Amino acid sequence: MTTAAPPRARRAETEHGWWEAVAPPIAPALAPHVVSYYGFAESTAAVERRRELPIGAVVMIVGFGPRLDVRYPHLPGRDLRARSFLAGLHDTWCVVESPRSQACIQVNLTPLGAQRLLGTAMHELTNRVVALADLLGPDADRLEERLGTARDWPERFAVLEQTLARRLTDAAPAAPDVAWALERLRAEGGRTPVAALCETVGCSRRHLERRFRDHVGLSPKSYARVLRFERATGRLGRGDGALWHDRSAVAERGRWGALAVECGYFDQAHMNRDFRALAGLSPGELASAAAPPDGAPAG
């Protein structure tokens, strides 16, 4: 399997080092299961620390460079040091610390794509990062090795796509009721009331929450909360869901009340509470935090 078009690539050099990011189009066979994937490499003069924010996708990192440290300052016992790992859905933040050089491919999976890929109950991964070898077994080590020895980014993406497509082809189909509810939540940016989802699906709230717990990892209400937050951080140019950082969006920081309504919050106070819970910062603090260099991936 190969990508249909050449990947988009950006590279920059600064006084502190260099970075490059490469984003291919999603292979058609993976499109139902993957939100995006991209390759990233950098060499810097100092250790990099990034506050990683919740998004509506399950993040898989396949590294072929030094190990990364994932830390939860407010959740003891969940830190991990690994080259490759998978982060289940989160409704809180963490910090990723990388050495002065790194190289990896990041895959943002849909929750049901991740569930099919792993074949595990997704609540076991909620607010956790797990070494990829513990989830994919020998496939993880083979993937790391093949990415590390590949000649270039197109070859790496071809290897990744072949590995994911093979595992997904052999997986059980997604649960149709959960798939419909997830699509409805995503289409409406987390605005759909859970009661409306239950009425359409024809089940109780408890039943739908149990289904989400197994197949998604968060309850419908919590997942909707993350979607609203993801949209708001994206408007600030700070979201992880977009590949390229958009400085122009930071102008939105002066319109907090309008931004809250636009993103589905009851009011600005509601948005502020969610930001504190999910990011550990207020909207203003997050918007004012140091941004990556122009063109670099946000994170």
Foldseek 3Di string as FASTA:
>chain_A
DFAPDAWDKDKDADPFWIKMKTWTPDDPLCVVWFLGKIKIKIAGNFKDKAKAFFAQFKKWKQWQDAWKWKADPVDPPQIDTGRIKIAAGELAIIMIIDGRITIIMMITTHLQSVCQLQVFFRLVRYRHIDHVCVRNPPLSVVLNVQLNPDPDDRSNVVSVVVSSSVSNVPGDDGDVLLVVLVVVLLVVQLQDDLVVSCVVSVHDQVVQQVVCCRRRNGGSNSSSLNSLVQVLCVLLQQHQSDFWRDNVSVVCLVVQQVSCVVSNHPGSVRQQVSCCGGRVDGSVVSSPPDADPHGGGHD
